[in-house]
Amino acid sequence: MGIGVALCLTGVGITLFYNLQPGALIVVLGVILYVVVASGSGIVKRRRHRRDQARLMKGAPA
């Protein structure tokens, strides 16, 4: 809920200075935030998986 409030306030704040539609801008900001978070979580998950695989390989008998 806090993220939504922050997006709304940011969108309304931007529209004070630029001639844009506030509703559309808030939706676009939400989509951009979703894409950034989804991409970031995928990258983090992939790095953790690789790190775990490397630890398993180090512990494996030679």
Protein backbone atom coordinates (compact mmCIF):
# COMPACT_ATOMS: atom_id res chain seq x y z
CA MET A 1 0.00 0.00 0.00
CA GLY A 2 2.87 2.33 0.77
CA ILE A 3 4.35 1.75 -2.68
CA GLY A 4 1.03 2.71 -4.26
CA VAL A 5 0.85 5.90 -2.24
CA ALA A 6 4.41 6.76 -3.20
CA LEU A 7 3.64 6.15 -6.88
CA CYS A 8 0.52 8.31 -6.70
CA LEU A 9 2.30 11.17 -4.98
CA THR A 10 5.20 10.95 -7.44
CA GLY A 11 2.83 10.90 -10.40
CA VAL A 12 0.84 13.86 -9.16
CA GLY A 13 4.03 15.72 -8.31
CA ILE A 14 5.42 15.24 -11.81
CA THR A 15 2.17 16.42 -13.38
CA LEU A 16 2.45 19.69 -11.45
CA PHE A 17 5.52 20.57 -13.51
CA TYR A 18 4.72 18.86 -16.82
CA ASN A 19 1.51 18.85 -18.83
CA LEU A 20 0.73 15.13 -18.49
CA GLN A 21 -2.30 13.08 -17.51
CA PRO A 22 -1.87 12.05 -13.85
CA GLY A 23 -3.78 8.76 -14.10
CA ALA A 24 -1.82 7.53 -17.10
CA LEU A 25 1.47 8.60 -15.55
CA ILE A 26 0.72 6.73 -12.32
CA VAL A 27 -0.05 3.57 -14.31
CA VAL A 28 3.13 3.91 -16.35
CA LEU A 29 5.19 4.43 -13.19
CA GLY A 30 3.61 1.31 -11.70
CA VAL A 31 4.44 -0.76 -14.78
CA ILE A 32 8.02 0.52 -14.80
CA LEU A 33 8.41 -0.33 -11.11
CA TYR A 34 6.99 -3.82 -11.70
CA VAL A 35 9.42 -4.48 -14.56
CA VAL A 36 12.39 -3.28 -12.50
CA VAL A 37 11.46 -5.42 -9.48
CA ALA A 38 10.68 -8.50 -11.60
CA SER A 39 13.97 -8.20 -13.47
CA GLY A 40 15.93 -7.59 -10.29
CA SER A 41 14.44 -10.59 -8.51
CA GLY A 42 15.28 -12.82 -11.48
CA ILE A 43 18.88 -11.64 -11.47
CA VAL A 44 19.22 -12.16 -7.71
CA LYS A 45 17.68 -15.64 -7.93
CA ARG A 46 20.06 -16.63 -10.73
CA ARG A 47 23.12 -15.38 -8.81
CA ARG A 48 22.09 -17.23 -5.67
CA HIS A 49 21.60 -20.43 -7.66
CA ARG A 50 25.05 -20.11 -9.24
CA ARG A 51 26.63 -19.37 -5.85
CA ASP A 52 24.96 -22.42 -4.32
CA GLN A 53 26.09 -24.61 -7.21
CA ALA A 54 29.67 -23.36 -6.81
CA ARG A 55 29.60 -24.19 -3.09
CA LEU A 56 28.36 -27.70 -3.84
CA MET A 57 31.11 -28.23 -6.39
CA LYS A 58 33.81 -27.09 -3.93
CA GLY A 59 32.56 -29.51 -1.31
CA ALA A 60 32.41 -32.45 -3.70
CA PRO A 61 35.19 -35.04 -3.32
CA ALA A 62 37.87 -34.92 -6.04
